[in-house]
């Protein structure tokens, strides 16, 4: 029976992570994180600590936690768990095995403070500038997708729900600021549909599945060359993906092609792309009440193949999409910024129909919330 892991055991693990091509190690080498300290300190306006109490986490450290959430599509609870669980996350954040890890509430409060200070745009614009200066220009066209990020379910009365939908704050909450801080008034419900495939003869008939989800939706544009997120928009989960296309497609990419799934195909979007000099390669929808033609099916199959060119891996047998995610959905819905995140290009999942990329970088079995049957 092996004893407790020692310093050299952990050090050896880090060496093996580096040899495997840890993308977080590359990101740490690329971005001078200390340049964010001054704008973070200005936005947070923290007290000097004269009143005592536990000192807050370092603002640059917490900003890097936000980057991890954006990179891997993690909720606050998931981020807390994964930071404690993964050596690559610990190294990225400069944590030792015995160091304290921020809990989900701390992560949420940090992001809320930055949101209220309206500092998100400037912070991530600076982030993007460092990547661009390092030679990572947007190239190869743009890949657009959306993912749902769950938020804690709210326990509100019917009257409170009606007031929230009307854009109001319930009267009871106004007199209870502590309770108001705990309430999420921007998240909404949606339903994700998963269509059953046609069964072969003799097999049991499958059923369509409808899964309710509460939270936000991240809409992102990824440049195909490097797999970086260049444009993004955050809405409630109930928002239609297609309405966000013009908000996430960004100018400056050396390629004019835009790839997306069927949720983004509409006459309005096709016209907008053409008028702005883009070439649409968006999936075609299946005709209502009729099977999809063989030609359309083949064309959609071709559209499924483009991946970030940097996502080629010896472990990947066919082209796929890099596991890139938009920023945490708890930022202000409707916000947008042309920033980039280092994608997990060493392990790409395959197919535009999409696989949700969990923190281990491998494709999950469930269909992505933005697949053609989810709208």
Protein backbone atom coordinates (compact mmCIF):
# COMPACT_ATOMS: atom_id res chain seq x y z
CA UNK A 1 0.00 0.00 0.00
CA UNK A 2 1.46 3.33 -1.03
CA UNK A 3 1.90 6.11 1.51
CA UNK A 4 0.97 9.75 1.27
CA UNK A 5 2.18 11.54 -1.85
CA UNK A 6 5.29 13.64 -1.25
CA UNK A 7 6.70 16.76 -2.86
CA UNK A 8 8.62 14.86 -5.51
CA UNK A 9 5.53 12.83 -6.50
CA UNK A 10 3.60 16.03 -7.23
CA UNK A 11 6.58 17.56 -8.99
CA UNK A 12 6.80 14.53 -11.24
CA UNK A 13 3.11 14.88 -12.09
CA UNK A 14 3.70 18.48 -13.12
CA UNK A 15 6.54 17.41 -15.39
CA UNK A 16 4.28 14.87 -17.06
CA UNK A 17 1.56 17.49 -17.50
CA UNK A 18 4.07 19.77 -19.22
CA UNK A 19 5.22 16.97 -21.51
CA UNK A 20 1.59 16.31 -22.47
CA UNK A 21 1.21 19.96 -23.54
CA UNK A 22 -0.75 21.59 -20.72
CA UNK A 23 -2.57 24.57 -22.39
CA UNK A 24 -2.82 26.38 -19.07
CA UNK A 25 0.95 26.38 -18.73
CA UNK A 26 1.18 27.97 -22.18
CA UNK A 27 -1.39 30.58 -21.21
CA UNK A 28 0.54 31.45 -18.06
CA UNK A 29 3.66 32.01 -20.13
CA UNK A 30 1.79 34.13 -22.66
CA UNK A 31 -0.10 36.59 -20.44
CA UNK A 32 1.64 38.98 -17.97
CA UNK A 33 -1.01 38.67 -15.30
CA UNK A 34 0.32 41.45 -13.07
CA UNK A 35 -0.84 44.10 -15.56
CA UNK A 36 -4.39 43.35 -14.41
CA UNK A 37 -3.69 44.15 -10.75
CA UNK A 38 -4.17 47.91 -10.97
CA UNK A 39 -7.50 47.89 -12.90
CA UNK A 40 -8.78 45.07 -10.68
CA UNK A 41 -7.88 46.94 -7.50
CA UNK A 42 -9.54 50.09 -8.82
CA UNK A 43 -12.72 48.23 -9.76
CA UNK A 44 -13.03 46.26 -6.52
CA UNK A 45 -12.35 49.16 -4.10
CA UNK A 46 -11.57 46.83 -1.24
CA UNK A 47 -11.09 48.13 2.34
CA UNK A 48 -7.59 48.36 3.77
CA UNK A 49 -8.24 45.54 6.27
CA UNK A 50 -7.96 47.77 9.36
CA UNK A 51 -11.18 46.28 10.75
CA UNK A 52 -9.66 42.80 10.79
CA UNK A 53 -11.24 39.60 9.50
CA UNK A 54 -9.98 37.10 6.98
CA UNK A 55 -8.06 38.84 4.17
CA UNK A 56 -9.64 38.60 0.71
CA UNK A 57 -8.16 36.50 -2.07
CA UNK A 58 -5.65 38.16 -4.34
CA UNK A 59 -7.59 39.91 -7.18
CA UNK A 60 -5.28 38.60 -9.93
CA UNK A 61 -5.73 35.09 -8.54
CA UNK A 62 -9.52 35.48 -8.66
CA UNK A 63 -9.38 36.89 -12.18
CA UNK A 64 -7.51 33.75 -13.25
CA UNK A 65 -10.31 31.71 -11.66
CA UNK A 66 -12.72 33.54 -13.95
CA UNK A 67 -10.52 32.65 -16.91
CA UNK A 68 -10.70 28.98 -15.91
CA UNK A 69 -14.49 29.20 -15.73
CA UNK A 70 -14.64 30.73 -19.19
CA UNK A 71 -12.18 28.26 -20.63
CA UNK A 72 -13.93 25.15 -19.36
CA UNK A 73 -17.53 26.36 -19.05
CA UNK A 74 -17.65 25.89 -15.28
CA UNK A 75 -20.30 27.10 -12.90
CA UNK A 76 -19.17 28.52 -9.56
CA UNK A 77 -19.73 25.22 -7.76
CA UNK A 78 -17.95 23.28 -10.49
CA UNK A 79 -15.03 25.70 -10.41
CA UNK A 80 -14.62 25.24 -6.64
CA UNK A 81 -14.53 21.46 -7.04
CA UNK A 82 -12.26 21.35 -10.08
CA UNK A 83 -9.69 23.71 -8.56
CA UNK A 84 -9.41 21.38 -5.59
CA UNK A 85 -9.35 18.30 -7.80
CA UNK A 86 -7.03 19.13 -10.72
CA UNK A 87 -3.29 19.62 -10.59
CA UNK A 88 -3.26 21.63 -13.82
CA UNK A 89 -5.73 24.13 -12.29
CA UNK A 90 -3.66 24.35 -9.10
CA UNK A 91 -0.48 25.06 -11.02
CA UNK A 92 -2.20 27.65 -13.19
CA UNK A 93 -3.40 29.47 -10.07
CA UNK A 94 -0.15 29.00 -8.12
CA UNK A 95 -1.78 26.84 -5.44
CA UNK A 96 -0.17 24.13 -3.37
CA UNK A 97 -1.98 20.97 -2.25
CA UNK A 98 -2.61 22.45 1.19
CA UNK A 99 -3.63 25.95 0.11
CA UNK A 100 -7.10 27.34 0.63
CA UNK A 101 -9.47 27.30 -2.38
CA UNK A 102 -12.22 29.94 -2.84
CA UNK A 103 -15.72 28.59 -2.47
CA UNK A 104 -18.53 29.10 -4.97
CA UNK A 105 -19.98 32.06 -3.07
CA UNK A 106 -16.62 33.86 -3.07
CA UNK A 107 -16.26 33.36 -6.83
CA UNK A 108 -19.77 34.65 -7.42
CA UNK A 109 -19.21 37.76 -5.30
CA UNK A 110 -15.95 38.59 -7.05
CA UNK A 111 -17.61 38.45 -10.45
CA UNK A 112 -20.59 40.46 -9.24
CA UNK A 113 -18.29 43.22 -7.95
CA UNK A 114 -16.53 43.45 -11.32
CA UNK A 115 -19.86 43.45 -13.12
CA UNK A 116 -21.26 46.23 -10.97
CA UNK A 117 -18.08 48.27 -11.52
CA UNK A 118 -18.50 47.75 -15.29
CA UNK A 119 -14.90 46.56 -15.50
CA UNK A 120 -15.43 43.37 -17.50
CA UNK A 121 -15.13 44.93 -20.96
CA UNK A 122 -11.84 46.71 -20.24
CA UNK A 123 -10.28 43.73 -18.49
CA UNK A 124 -10.95 41.30 -21.31
CA UNK A 125 -10.10 43.86 -23.98
CA UNK A 126 -6.67 44.09 -22.36
CA UNK A 127 -6.51 40.30 -22.24
CA UNK A 128 -7.23 40.13 -25.97
CA UNK A 129 -4.59 42.79 -26.68
CA UNK A 130 -1.86 40.68 -25.07
CA UNK A 131 -2.80 37.65 -27.16
CA UNK A 132 -2.90 39.72 -30.35
CA UNK A 133 0.49 41.29 -29.59
CA UNK A 134 1.86 37.78 -29.13
CA UNK A 135 0.92 37.03 -32.75
CA UNK A 136 -2.42 35.29 -32.24
CA UNK A 137 -4.43 37.18 -34.86
CA UNK A 138 -7.97 36.07 -35.69
CA UNK A 139 -7.63 33.89 -38.79
CA UNK A 140 -9.34 31.12 -40.76
CA UNK A 141 -12.96 32.20 -40.39
CA UNK A 142 -15.30 32.07 -37.39
CA UNK A 143 -17.15 29.25 -35.64
CA UNK A 144 -20.27 30.32 -33.72
CA UNK A 145 -21.95 28.29 -31.01
CA UNK A 146 -23.89 28.64 -27.77
CA UNK A 147 -23.95 26.69 -24.52
CA UNK A 148 -26.22 26.76 -21.50
CA UNK A 149 -24.65 27.38 -18.11
CA UNK A 150 -26.83 26.37 -15.18
CA UNK A 151 -27.57 28.78 -12.35
CA UNK A 152 -28.91 27.93 -8.88
CA UNK A 153 -32.66 27.45 -9.02
CA UNK A 154 -34.63 30.20 -7.30
CA UNK A 155 -37.36 29.53 -4.74
CA UNK A 156 -39.70 32.43 -5.50
CA UNK A 157 -43.42 32.85 -5.07
CA UNK A 158 -45.68 33.36 -8.08
CA UNK A 159 -46.01 37.06 -7.25
CA UNK A 160 -42.23 37.45 -7.04
CA UNK A 161 -41.81 35.65 -10.37
CA UNK A 162 -44.26 38.01 -12.06
CA UNK A 163 -42.44 41.07 -10.74
CA UNK A 164 -39.06 39.71 -11.83
CA UNK A 165 -40.35 39.04 -15.35
CA UNK A 166 -41.67 42.60 -15.44
CA UNK A 167 -38.20 43.88 -14.60
CA UNK A 168 -39.12 44.93 -11.06
CA UNK A 169 -37.64 44.13 -7.66
CA UNK A 170 -40.15 42.60 -5.21
CA UNK A 171 -40.97 45.03 -2.40
CA UNK A 172 -40.01 42.56 0.33
CA UNK A 173 -36.52 42.18 -1.16
CA UNK A 174 -35.88 45.94 -1.18
CA UNK A 175 -35.98 46.00 2.60
CA UNK A 176 -33.78 42.92 2.89
CA UNK A 177 -30.51 43.64 1.04
CA UNK A 178 -28.91 40.39 2.20
CA UNK A 179 -31.71 38.41 0.57
CA UNK A 180 -31.61 40.57 -2.55
CA UNK A 181 -27.91 39.81 -3.00
CA UNK A 182 -28.73 36.10 -3.03
CA UNK A 183 -31.37 36.39 -5.74
CA UNK A 184 -30.60 35.94 -9.42
CA UNK A 185 -33.08 38.08 -11.37
CA UNK A 186 -31.61 37.59 -14.86
CA UNK A 187 -31.55 33.80 -15.29
CA UNK A 188 -34.50 32.16 -17.05
CA UNK A 189 -35.89 28.71 -17.78
CA UNK A 190 -35.63 26.94 -21.13
CA UNK A 191 -36.14 23.41 -22.39
CA UNK A 192 -33.49 21.39 -24.17
CA UNK A 193 -34.89 18.87 -26.63
CA UNK A 194 -33.09 15.74 -27.71
CA UNK A 195 -34.62 14.02 -30.73
CA UNK A 196 -34.62 10.24 -30.75
CA UNK A 197 -32.94 8.61 -33.72
CA UNK A 198 -34.90 6.36 -36.05
CA UNK A 199 -34.83 2.83 -34.67
CA UNK A 200 -33.78 -0.18 -36.63
CA UNK A 201 -36.31 -2.91 -37.20
CA UNK A 202 -36.86 -5.08 -34.16
CA UNK A 203 -35.47 -2.59 -31.64
CA UNK A 204 -37.51 -0.79 -28.97
CA UNK A 205 -38.78 2.64 -29.97
CA UNK A 206 -36.85 5.52 -28.40
CA UNK A 207 -38.50 8.65 -27.09
CA UNK A 208 -37.73 12.33 -27.52
CA UNK A 209 -36.38 13.85 -24.34
CA UNK A 210 -37.20 17.33 -23.02
CA UNK A 211 -34.93 18.57 -20.23
CA UNK A 212 -35.73 21.84 -18.42
CA UNK A 213 -32.74 24.04 -17.64
CA UNK A 214 -32.44 27.24 -15.60
CA UNK A 215 -29.62 29.71 -16.13
CA UNK A 216 -27.86 31.64 -18.84
CA UNK A 217 -26.70 31.05 -22.38
CA UNK A 218 -23.20 31.86 -23.60
CA UNK A 219 -22.92 32.75 -27.30
CA UNK A 220 -19.38 32.75 -28.69
CA UNK A 221 -17.44 33.25 -31.90
CA UNK A 222 -14.22 31.23 -32.11
CA UNK A 223 -11.52 31.96 -34.65
CA UNK A 224 -10.71 28.80 -36.57
CA UNK A 225 -6.95 29.30 -36.72
CA UNK A 226 -6.17 29.40 -33.02
CA UNK A 227 -9.41 28.33 -31.34
CA UNK A 228 -9.64 31.57 -29.34
CA UNK A 229 -12.96 33.11 -28.39
CA UNK A 230 -13.01 36.51 -30.11
CA UNK A 231 -16.58 37.67 -29.56
CA UNK A 232 -19.25 36.71 -27.06
CA UNK A 233 -22.65 37.62 -25.76
CA UNK A 234 -24.47 36.46 -22.65
CA UNK A 235 -28.24 36.15 -22.45
CA UNK A 236 -30.78 34.32 -20.34
CA UNK A 237 -31.19 30.65 -21.25
CA UNK A 238 -34.52 31.39 -22.94
CA UNK A 239 -32.99 33.64 -25.62
CA UNK A 240 -32.93 32.47 -29.24
CA UNK A 241 -29.43 31.73 -30.51
CA UNK A 242 -30.01 33.16 -33.98
CA UNK A 243 -30.64 36.66 -32.65
CA UNK A 244 -27.09 36.78 -31.26
CA UNK A 245 -25.21 36.04 -34.51
CA UNK A 246 -24.55 39.67 -35.43
CA UNK A 247 -23.41 40.36 -31.85
CA UNK A 248 -20.72 37.67 -31.69
CA UNK A 249 -19.33 37.67 -35.24
CA UNK A 250 -16.45 40.14 -35.11
CA UNK A 251 -14.60 42.01 -37.89
CA UNK A 252 -10.88 41.62 -38.37
CA UNK A 253 -10.73 37.89 -39.09
CA UNK A 254 -8.64 37.12 -42.15
CA UNK A 255 -11.22 34.54 -43.26
CA UNK A 256 -14.77 35.44 -44.26
CA UNK A 257 -16.50 32.07 -43.65
CA UNK A 258 -18.87 31.68 -40.70
CA UNK A 259 -19.80 28.20 -39.46
CA UNK A 260 -22.79 27.60 -37.16
CA UNK A 261 -25.56 25.09 -36.50
CA UNK A 262 -29.18 25.28 -37.67
CA UNK A 263 -30.31 27.57 -34.83
CA UNK A 264 -28.48 30.43 -36.57
CA UNK A 265 -29.97 29.92 -40.03
CA UNK A 266 -32.61 32.48 -40.94
CA UNK A 267 -33.24 34.85 -43.85
CA UNK A 268 -32.32 37.79 -41.63
CA UNK A 269 -28.97 36.28 -40.64
CA UNK A 270 -28.14 35.19 -44.19
CA UNK A 271 -28.85 38.72 -45.43
CA UNK A 272 -26.76 40.27 -42.65
CA UNK A 273 -23.80 38.02 -43.39
CA UNK A 274 -23.95 38.77 -47.11
CA UNK A 275 -24.26 42.53 -46.58
CA UNK A 276 -21.25 42.53 -44.27
CA UNK A 277 -18.98 40.53 -46.54
CA UNK A 278 -19.19 37.15 -44.81
CA UNK A 279 -19.66 33.75 -46.43
CA UNK A 280 -22.33 31.66 -44.69
CA UNK A 281 -21.63 27.99 -44.04
CA UNK A 282 -24.48 27.53 -41.56
CA UNK A 283 -26.26 24.19 -41.34
CA UNK A 284 -29.52 23.78 -43.24
CA UNK A 285 -32.62 22.79 -41.31
CA UNK A 286 -34.65 19.67 -41.98
CA UNK A 287 -37.89 20.48 -43.86
CA UNK A 288 -40.99 20.19 -41.68
CA UNK A 289 -42.84 16.94 -42.23
CA UNK A 290 -40.32 15.70 -44.79
CA UNK A 291 -37.02 13.84 -44.53
CA UNK A 292 -33.82 15.74 -45.23
CA UNK A 293 -32.54 15.26 -48.76
CA UNK A 294 -29.33 13.33 -49.33
CA UNK A 295 -27.64 16.40 -50.82
CA UNK A 296 -28.52 18.56 -47.81
CA UNK A 297 -27.38 15.83 -45.44
CA UNK A 298 -24.01 15.59 -47.21
CA UNK A 299 -23.64 19.38 -47.18
CA UNK A 300 -24.33 19.49 -43.44
CA UNK A 301 -21.80 16.72 -42.96
CA UNK A 302 -19.20 18.83 -44.74
CA UNK A 303 -20.05 21.80 -42.54
CA UNK A 304 -19.55 19.64 -39.45
CA UNK A 305 -15.87 19.08 -40.18
CA UNK A 306 -14.24 22.52 -39.86
CA UNK A 307 -12.40 22.82 -36.57
CA UNK A 308 -9.92 25.27 -35.16
CA UNK A 309 -6.82 24.47 -37.23
CA UNK A 310 -4.74 24.29 -34.08
CA UNK A 311 -6.93 21.55 -32.63
CA UNK A 312 -5.26 18.73 -34.54
CA UNK A 313 -4.13 16.05 -32.15
CA UNK A 314 -2.53 12.67 -32.63
CA UNK A 315 -5.24 11.32 -30.34
CA UNK A 316 -8.03 12.76 -32.49
CA UNK A 317 -8.97 10.55 -35.43
CA UNK A 318 -11.23 13.05 -37.16
CA UNK A 319 -11.64 16.82 -37.21
CA UNK A 320 -13.65 18.39 -34.43
CA UNK A 321 -14.36 21.48 -32.46
CA UNK A 322 -12.03 22.78 -29.81
CA UNK A 323 -13.43 22.72 -26.31
CA UNK A 324 -13.79 26.47 -26.05
CA UNK A 325 -16.38 28.15 -23.88
CA UNK A 326 -17.65 31.66 -23.54
CA UNK A 327 -17.19 33.67 -20.37
CA UNK A 328 -19.10 32.78 -17.26
CA UNK A 329 -22.79 33.34 -17.76
CA UNK A 330 -23.18 35.21 -14.54
CA UNK A 331 -21.88 38.34 -16.20
CA UNK A 332 -24.42 40.88 -17.37
CA UNK A 333 -26.76 39.36 -19.99
CA UNK A 334 -26.32 40.99 -23.35
CA UNK A 335 -22.73 42.03 -22.72
CA UNK A 336 -20.15 41.61 -25.43
CA UNK A 337 -16.40 41.80 -25.72
CA UNK A 338 -13.80 40.91 -28.31
CA UNK A 339 -11.56 38.87 -26.04
CA UNK A 340 -9.85 35.56 -26.39
CA UNK A 341 -9.30 32.50 -24.28
CA UNK A 342 -6.68 29.82 -24.80
CA UNK A 343 -8.70 26.82 -25.92
CA UNK A 344 -7.99 23.24 -25.00
CA UNK A 345 -6.69 22.55 -28.47
CA UNK A 346 -4.87 19.35 -27.56
CA UNK A 347 -8.13 17.44 -27.13
CA UNK A 348 -10.89 18.39 -29.54
CA UNK A 349 -14.31 16.81 -29.71
CA UNK A 350 -15.70 15.99 -33.12
CA UNK A 351 -18.67 17.24 -35.07
CA UNK A 352 -20.65 20.46 -35.31
CA UNK A 353 -23.58 18.67 -33.69
CA UNK A 354 -21.36 19.19 -30.74
CA UNK A 355 -20.23 17.49 -27.60
CA UNK A 356 -20.08 19.31 -24.32
CA UNK A 357 -16.44 19.41 -23.25
CA UNK A 358 -16.09 18.65 -19.55
CA UNK A 359 -13.04 19.75 -17.58
CA UNK A 360 -11.01 16.71 -18.61
CA UNK A 361 -11.13 17.96 -22.22
CA UNK A 362 -12.82 14.84 -23.57
CA UNK A 363 -16.15 14.92 -25.34
CA UNK A 364 -19.09 14.11 -23.13
CA UNK A 365 -21.79 11.73 -24.23
CA UNK A 366 -24.71 14.14 -24.09
CA UNK A 367 -25.61 16.36 -27.01
CA UNK A 368 -24.72 20.02 -26.75
CA UNK A 369 -27.50 22.41 -25.70
CA UNK A 370 -27.05 24.21 -29.01
CA UNK A 371 -27.59 21.16 -31.23
CA UNK A 372 -30.32 21.49 -33.85
CA UNK A 373 -32.99 19.91 -31.67
CA UNK A 374 -32.52 22.18 -28.68
CA UNK A 375 -34.39 25.25 -29.83
